[in-house]
Amino acid sequence: MTTAWDFGVSRELDLVERTIRESIESEEPLLTEISQYVIASGGKRIRPTVTLLAFKAVGGKEVEKAVDIAAALELIHSATLIHDDINDRGTERRGRPAAYLKYGLQEALVTGDFLFTKAFQIGGKFEDEIVDMTARVCTALAEGEIRQKRHVGDVQLDRGEYVNIITRKTAMPIETGARVGALLGGGRLSEINAAGEYGLNLGIAFQIVDDILDVVGDGVTLGKRPGMDIKEGNVTLLAIHALNDGAVSDRSELIRIIRKRTKDWGEVQTALRMIQESGAVEKARAEARGFGDRALEALGGLPDTEARRHLRDLVEFVLSRHA
């Protein structure tokens, strides 16, 4: 799958796609079909892009190693998409019905387990350090999901806990991909740490922008209806700003809507309007830019290569995206 924004790794991304598709071939055709359906809904492949660029940035040559671990991490991501949609009762992903709605709850759950297994079939071939890093990502994803569910409708959620949650759910997989890429590329410890710091901050910026788009994005472009965080009771950075330091028109009404277990779309639109008018979007954009700047600073620890320049461009892409 070649995209217009792969920053010099189009061939390698195509190899990642091929590895993923070969790995999900099953004697049970339905498992393969659901897996293919979910993988096609996986978005921009930012995780493998970062992994491949980190590998190349430190001078890595045997790209097959980076391709395999990038594929394994993307399979883990695909598995979590299934489970997240079930947990959040999400109805759409990239403009298509969630897998559990299309194929059934039990079938989707089994497919998620299948994808995790296939990920470790690939990743388990690497040395213990990389296997351990991959396992820690899976642990963090599970912990992040539990923490997020614990805070559904929690208008007392603070910025620190919000960052903790998105670090586990979004940033750590990107950080780990960057670290592993640099490690497999033969990078020095300082370069591996620099790549990890880049990936961590890029991942946090990516999720903040995602949350911004859920407030101001276009549904057709996003492939899902804006306002899903409000609908599901997920308190994001924008809601935190609107409730605590924004000029929200009716704070008590916003609190009521966020706390309400079942909301109609009229209430969701009311909440979105209040968040937009509070100045929270601008505050969140500034925070995303701050994390993006930290990612750029971390690149100073990598060699001055074409791949490093692509990593720099990727930050701007993440901060300016509309979908």
Protein backbone atom coordinates (compact mmCIF):
# COMPACT_ATOMS: atom_id res chain seq x y z
CA MET A 1 0.00 0.00 0.00
CA THR A 2 1.86 3.06 -1.24
CA THR A 3 0.67 6.41 0.04
CA ALA A 4 1.42 9.98 -0.96
CA TRP A 5 3.13 10.68 2.34
CA ASP A 6 5.46 7.75 2.98
CA PHE A 7 8.58 9.92 3.06
CA GLY A 8 10.96 7.70 1.13
CA VAL A 9 9.85 4.34 2.55
CA SER A 10 7.16 3.39 0.03
CA ARG A 11 8.95 0.20 -0.99
CA GLU A 12 9.45 -0.83 2.62
CA LEU A 13 5.82 -0.04 3.49
CA ASP A 14 4.71 -2.25 0.63
CA LEU A 15 6.84 -5.03 2.12
CA VAL A 16 5.19 -4.46 5.51
CA GLU A 17 1.77 -4.76 3.89
CA ARG A 18 2.79 -7.97 2.13
CA THR A 19 4.16 -9.43 5.36
CA ILE A 20 0.95 -8.59 7.18
CA ARG A 21 -1.27 -10.10 4.51
CA GLU A 22 0.79 -13.26 4.28
CA SER A 23 0.75 -13.67 8.06
CA ILE A 24 -3.05 -13.54 8.35
CA GLU A 25 -3.73 -16.34 5.88
CA SER A 26 -5.69 -18.97 7.81
CA GLU A 27 -7.26 -22.35 7.12
CA GLU A 28 -10.44 -20.68 8.34
CA PRO A 29 -11.39 -18.20 5.58
CA LEU A 30 -13.54 -16.06 7.89
CA LEU A 31 -10.54 -15.28 10.11
CA THR A 32 -8.62 -14.11 7.08
CA GLU A 33 -11.57 -12.07 5.83
CA ILE A 34 -12.15 -10.26 9.13
CA SER A 35 -8.42 -9.67 9.56
CA GLN A 36 -8.18 -8.14 6.10
CA TYR A 37 -11.21 -5.98 6.83
CA VAL A 38 -9.69 -4.62 10.04
CA ILE A 39 -6.24 -4.08 8.55
CA ALA A 40 -7.77 -2.08 5.71
CA SER A 41 -9.31 0.19 8.37
CA GLY A 42 -6.00 0.74 10.13
CA GLY A 43 -5.33 4.27 8.96
CA LYS A 44 -2.10 5.95 7.96
CA ARG A 45 0.48 3.33 8.97
CA ILE A 46 2.32 5.93 11.02
CA ARG A 47 3.79 3.24 13.30
CA PRO A 48 5.61 1.29 10.57
CA THR A 49 6.67 4.54 8.91
CA VAL A 50 8.39 5.70 12.11
CA THR A 51 9.98 2.28 12.65
CA LEU A 52 11.38 2.17 9.13
CA LEU A 53 12.65 5.75 9.22
CA ALA A 54 14.34 5.23 12.60
CA PHE A 55 16.03 2.13 11.20
CA LYS A 56 17.30 4.05 8.18
CA ALA A 57 18.22 7.15 10.18
CA VAL A 58 20.92 5.26 12.10
CA GLY A 59 22.29 3.60 8.96
CA GLY A 60 20.41 0.29 9.03
CA LYS A 61 20.96 -1.89 5.96
CA GLU A 62 19.10 -5.22 6.33
CA VAL A 63 15.65 -3.71 5.98
CA GLU A 64 13.87 -7.08 6.21
CA LYS A 65 14.37 -7.03 9.99
CA ALA A 66 12.69 -3.65 10.31
CA VAL A 67 9.90 -4.74 7.98
CA ASP A 68 9.12 -7.78 10.13
CA ILE A 69 8.96 -5.92 13.45
CA ALA A 70 6.97 -3.09 11.85
CA ALA A 71 4.47 -5.67 10.60
CA ALA A 72 4.25 -7.27 14.05
CA LEU A 73 3.55 -3.93 15.73
CA GLU A 74 0.92 -3.09 13.13
CA LEU A 75 -0.81 -6.43 13.74
CA ILE A 76 -0.94 -5.57 17.44
CA HIS A 77 -2.44 -2.21 16.55
CA SER A 78 -5.06 -3.88 14.35
CA ALA A 79 -6.01 -6.24 17.18
CA THR A 80 -6.50 -3.32 19.54
CA LEU A 81 -8.78 -1.59 17.01
CA ILE A 82 -11.17 -4.52 17.26
CA HIS A 83 -11.15 -4.54 21.05
CA ASP A 84 -11.39 -0.75 21.34
CA ASP A 85 -14.45 -0.63 19.12
CA ILE A 86 -16.11 -3.32 21.22
CA ASN A 87 -15.23 -1.61 24.51
CA ASP A 88 -16.31 1.83 23.28
CA ARG A 89 -19.32 0.55 21.35
CA GLY A 90 -17.88 2.30 18.33
CA THR A 91 -19.98 1.96 15.21
CA GLU A 92 -17.64 3.10 12.44
CA ARG A 93 -13.98 3.10 11.54
CA ARG A 94 -12.72 4.82 8.40
CA GLY A 95 -16.29 5.13 7.14
CA ARG A 96 -17.06 1.43 7.46
CA PRO A 97 -18.97 -0.52 10.14
CA ALA A 98 -16.87 -1.71 13.06
CA ALA A 99 -15.80 -5.34 12.65
CA TYR A 100 -17.93 -6.60 15.54
CA LEU A 101 -21.04 -5.06 13.96
CA LYS A 102 -20.30 -6.48 10.52
CA TYR A 103 -19.19 -9.96 11.54
CA GLY A 104 -20.47 -10.48 15.08
CA LEU A 105 -19.05 -9.95 18.56
CA GLN A 106 -17.59 -13.42 19.10
CA GLU A 107 -16.07 -13.56 15.64
CA ALA A 108 -14.45 -10.16 16.13
CA LEU A 109 -13.02 -11.07 19.54
CA VAL A 110 -11.50 -14.27 18.17
CA THR A 111 -10.00 -12.34 15.27
CA GLY A 112 -8.40 -9.90 17.70
CA ASP A 113 -6.80 -12.84 19.52
CA PHE A 114 -5.70 -14.27 16.17
CA LEU A 115 -3.97 -11.01 15.21
CA PHE A 116 -2.16 -10.81 18.55
CA THR A 117 -0.95 -14.38 18.05
CA LYS A 118 0.26 -13.65 14.54
CA ALA A 119 2.09 -10.56 15.79
CA PHE A 120 4.03 -12.61 18.31
CA GLN A 121 4.70 -15.31 15.75
CA ILE A 122 6.62 -12.68 13.81
CA GLY A 123 8.04 -10.72 16.76
CA GLY A 124 9.02 -13.82 18.70
CA LYS A 125 11.84 -14.51 16.25
CA PHE A 126 13.79 -11.52 17.56
CA GLU A 127 16.10 -11.33 20.54
CA ASP A 128 14.67 -11.26 24.05
CA GLU A 129 15.06 -7.51 24.44
CA ILE A 130 12.79 -6.78 21.47
CA VAL A 131 10.24 -9.41 22.51
CA ASP A 132 10.16 -7.85 25.98
CA MET A 133 9.67 -4.35 24.52
CA THR A 134 6.80 -5.63 22.40
CA ALA A 135 5.18 -7.33 25.39
CA ARG A 136 5.45 -4.10 27.39
CA VAL A 137 3.55 -2.30 24.63
CA CYS A 138 0.73 -4.84 24.84
CA THR A 139 0.63 -4.41 28.61
CA ALA A 140 0.52 -0.63 28.28
CA LEU A 141 -2.32 -0.83 25.75
CA ALA A 142 -4.39 -2.95 28.12
CA GLU A 143 -3.63 -0.67 31.06
CA GLY A 144 -4.49 2.42 29.04
CA GLU A 145 -7.84 0.97 28.00
CA ILE A 146 -8.75 0.11 31.60
CA ARG A 147 -7.73 3.58 32.81
CA GLN A 148 -9.77 5.22 30.07
CA LYS A 149 -12.87 3.20 30.93
CA ARG A 150 -12.43 4.04 34.61
CA HIS A 151 -12.66 7.74 33.75
CA VAL A 152 -15.67 7.62 31.44
CA GLY A 153 -17.79 10.68 32.24
CA ASP A 154 -15.23 11.85 34.81
CA VAL A 155 -15.23 15.63 34.62
CA GLN A 156 -12.53 15.70 37.34
CA LEU A 157 -10.00 14.04 35.01
CA ASP A 158 -6.86 16.16 34.92
CA ARG A 159 -4.32 16.76 32.20
CA GLY A 160 -1.72 14.48 33.80
CA GLU A 161 -3.99 11.44 33.76
CA TYR A 162 -5.15 12.25 30.23
CA VAL A 163 -1.52 12.28 29.04
CA ASN A 164 -0.91 9.04 30.97
CA ILE A 165 -3.78 7.34 29.13
CA ILE A 166 -2.84 8.50 25.63
CA THR A 167 0.81 7.68 26.30
CA ARG A 168 -0.13 4.06 26.97
CA LYS A 169 -2.70 3.75 24.19
CA THR A 170 -1.08 5.73 21.38
CA ALA A 171 2.39 7.03 22.13
CA MET A 172 4.11 3.94 23.54
CA PRO A 173 3.51 1.80 20.44
CA ILE A 174 5.06 4.56 18.29
CA GLU A 175 7.90 5.03 20.77
CA THR A 176 8.62 1.31 20.81
CA GLY A 177 8.58 1.11 17.03
CA ALA A 178 11.12 3.92 16.87
CA ARG A 179 13.34 2.34 19.52
CA VAL A 180 13.25 -1.09 17.93
CA GLY A 181 13.90 0.39 14.49
CA ALA A 182 17.00 2.20 15.74
CA LEU A 183 18.14 -0.87 17.67
CA LEU A 184 17.81 -3.15 14.64
CA GLY A 185 19.55 -0.54 12.52
CA GLY A 186 22.64 -0.76 14.72
CA GLY A 187 22.20 2.58 16.44
CA ARG A 188 24.16 3.55 19.52
CA LEU A 189 22.31 3.67 22.84
CA SER A 190 22.05 7.46 22.65
CA GLU A 191 20.53 7.19 19.18
CA ILE A 192 18.05 4.53 20.29
CA ASN A 193 16.99 6.77 23.17
CA ALA A 194 16.69 9.77 20.87
CA ALA A 195 14.50 7.78 18.48
CA GLY A 196 12.33 6.65 21.39
CA GLU A 197 11.96 10.20 22.69
CA TYR A 198 10.96 11.30 19.21
CA GLY A 199 8.36 8.54 18.90
CA LEU A 200 6.89 9.19 22.34
CA ASN A 201 6.33 12.88 21.74
CA LEU A 202 5.14 12.38 18.18
CA GLY A 203 2.61 9.86 19.47
CA ILE A 204 1.23 12.23 22.11
CA ALA A 205 0.96 15.01 19.52
CA PHE A 206 -0.77 12.61 17.13
CA GLN A 207 -3.44 11.70 19.70
CA ILE A 208 -4.09 15.31 20.71
CA VAL A 209 -4.64 16.18 17.05
CA ASP A 210 -6.94 13.15 16.79
CA ASP A 211 -8.96 14.50 19.71
CA ILE A 212 -9.08 17.96 18.13
CA LEU A 213 -10.43 16.47 14.90
CA ASP A 214 -13.17 14.73 16.88
CA VAL A 215 -14.36 18.22 17.84
CA VAL A 216 -13.81 20.21 14.64
CA GLY A 217 -13.19 17.60 11.93
CA ASP A 218 -15.28 16.74 8.90
CA GLY A 219 -17.10 13.42 9.16
CA VAL A 220 -16.55 12.45 5.54
CA THR A 221 -12.82 13.09 5.76
CA LEU A 222 -12.49 11.41 9.15
CA GLY A 223 -14.48 8.35 8.17
CA LYS A 224 -16.50 8.61 11.37
CA ARG A 225 -18.96 11.03 12.88
CA PRO A 226 -17.31 13.82 14.93
CA GLY A 227 -18.22 13.90 18.59
CA MET A 228 -17.64 10.23 19.36
CA ASP A 229 -15.54 11.08 22.42
CA ILE A 230 -18.41 13.08 23.88
CA LYS A 231 -20.89 10.36 22.90
CA GLU A 232 -18.81 7.70 24.63
CA GLY A 233 -17.99 9.85 27.67
CA ASN A 234 -14.25 10.00 26.98
CA VAL A 235 -12.85 13.18 28.52
CA THR A 236 -10.12 14.49 26.23
CA LEU A 237 -7.73 17.41 26.55
CA LEU A 238 -10.27 19.69 24.87
CA ALA A 239 -12.97 18.92 27.42
CA ILE A 240 -10.43 19.38 30.22
CA HIS A 241 -9.50 22.83 28.90
CA ALA A 242 -13.13 23.81 28.32
CA LEU A 243 -14.13 22.78 31.85
CA ASN A 244 -11.15 24.22 33.71
CA ASP A 245 -9.71 27.23 31.88
CA GLY A 246 -11.98 27.88 28.94
CA ALA A 247 -14.65 30.52 28.44
CA VAL A 248 -17.39 27.89 28.26
CA SER A 249 -20.88 29.38 27.99
CA ASP A 250 -22.59 26.95 30.39
CA ARG A 251 -20.17 24.82 32.36
CA SER A 252 -22.88 23.02 34.29
CA GLU A 253 -24.61 21.99 31.06
CA LEU A 254 -21.35 20.70 29.58
CA ILE A 255 -20.74 18.71 32.76
CA ARG A 256 -24.26 17.29 32.60
CA ILE A 257 -23.82 16.13 29.01
CA ILE A 258 -20.39 14.57 29.57
CA ARG A 259 -21.62 12.70 32.65
CA LYS A 260 -24.81 11.45 31.03
CA ARG A 261 -24.56 7.75 30.19
CA THR A 262 -26.77 7.85 27.10
CA LYS A 263 -26.67 10.98 24.98
CA ASP A 264 -28.57 11.92 21.86
CA TRP A 265 -26.75 13.58 18.99
CA GLY A 266 -28.38 16.91 19.75
CA GLU A 267 -26.67 16.92 23.15
CA VAL A 268 -23.39 15.89 21.55
CA GLN A 269 -23.61 18.81 19.10
CA THR A 270 -24.36 21.18 21.98
CA ALA A 271 -21.26 19.97 23.84
CA LEU A 272 -19.11 20.29 20.72
CA ARG A 273 -20.29 23.84 20.15
CA MET A 274 -19.49 24.81 23.75
CA ILE A 275 -16.01 23.26 23.53
CA GLN A 276 -15.32 25.02 20.22
CA GLU A 277 -16.43 28.39 21.60
CA SER A 278 -14.45 28.01 24.83
CA GLY A 279 -11.03 28.39 23.20
CA ALA A 280 -10.14 24.77 24.04
CA VAL A 281 -9.32 23.90 20.43
CA GLU A 282 -6.65 26.58 20.24
CA LYS A 283 -5.19 25.53 23.60
CA ALA A 284 -5.04 21.90 22.52
CA ARG A 285 -3.38 22.83 19.22
CA ALA A 286 -0.72 24.73 21.16
CA GLU A 287 -0.09 21.67 23.33
CA ALA A 288 0.15 19.41 20.29
CA ARG A 289 2.70 21.81 18.82
CA GLY A 290 4.63 21.68 22.10
CA PHE A 291 4.92 17.90 21.94
CA GLY A 292 5.77 18.15 18.25
CA ASP A 293 8.61 20.54 19.11
CA ARG A 294 9.93 18.05 21.67
CA ALA A 295 9.92 15.38 18.98
CA LEU A 296 11.91 17.70 16.71
CA GLU A 297 14.41 18.41 19.49
CA ALA A 298 14.95 14.69 19.99
CA LEU A 299 16.02 14.36 16.36
CA GLY A 300 19.19 16.21 17.30
CA GLY A 301 20.42 12.91 18.74
CA LEU A 302 20.25 11.15 15.37
CA PRO A 303 22.72 11.36 12.47
CA ASP A 304 22.03 14.00 9.83
CA THR A 305 20.51 11.73 7.17
CA GLU A 306 17.71 11.90 4.65
CA ALA A 307 15.65 9.65 6.92
CA ARG A 308 16.05 12.12 9.79
CA ARG A 309 14.76 14.87 7.52
CA HIS A 310 11.75 12.72 6.72
CA LEU A 311 11.14 12.21 10.44
CA ARG A 312 11.15 16.00 10.79
CA ASP A 313 8.64 16.33 7.95
CA LEU A 314 6.46 13.69 9.60
CA VAL A 315 6.02 15.92 12.64
CA GLU A 316 4.59 18.69 10.49
CA PHE A 317 2.36 16.20 8.72
CA VAL A 318 0.95 14.97 12.03
CA LEU A 319 0.33 18.49 13.34
CA SER A 320 -1.39 19.71 10.18
CA ARG A 321 -3.48 16.65 9.27
CA HIS A 322 -7.24 16.84 8.75
CA ALA A 323 -8.04 13.13 8.98
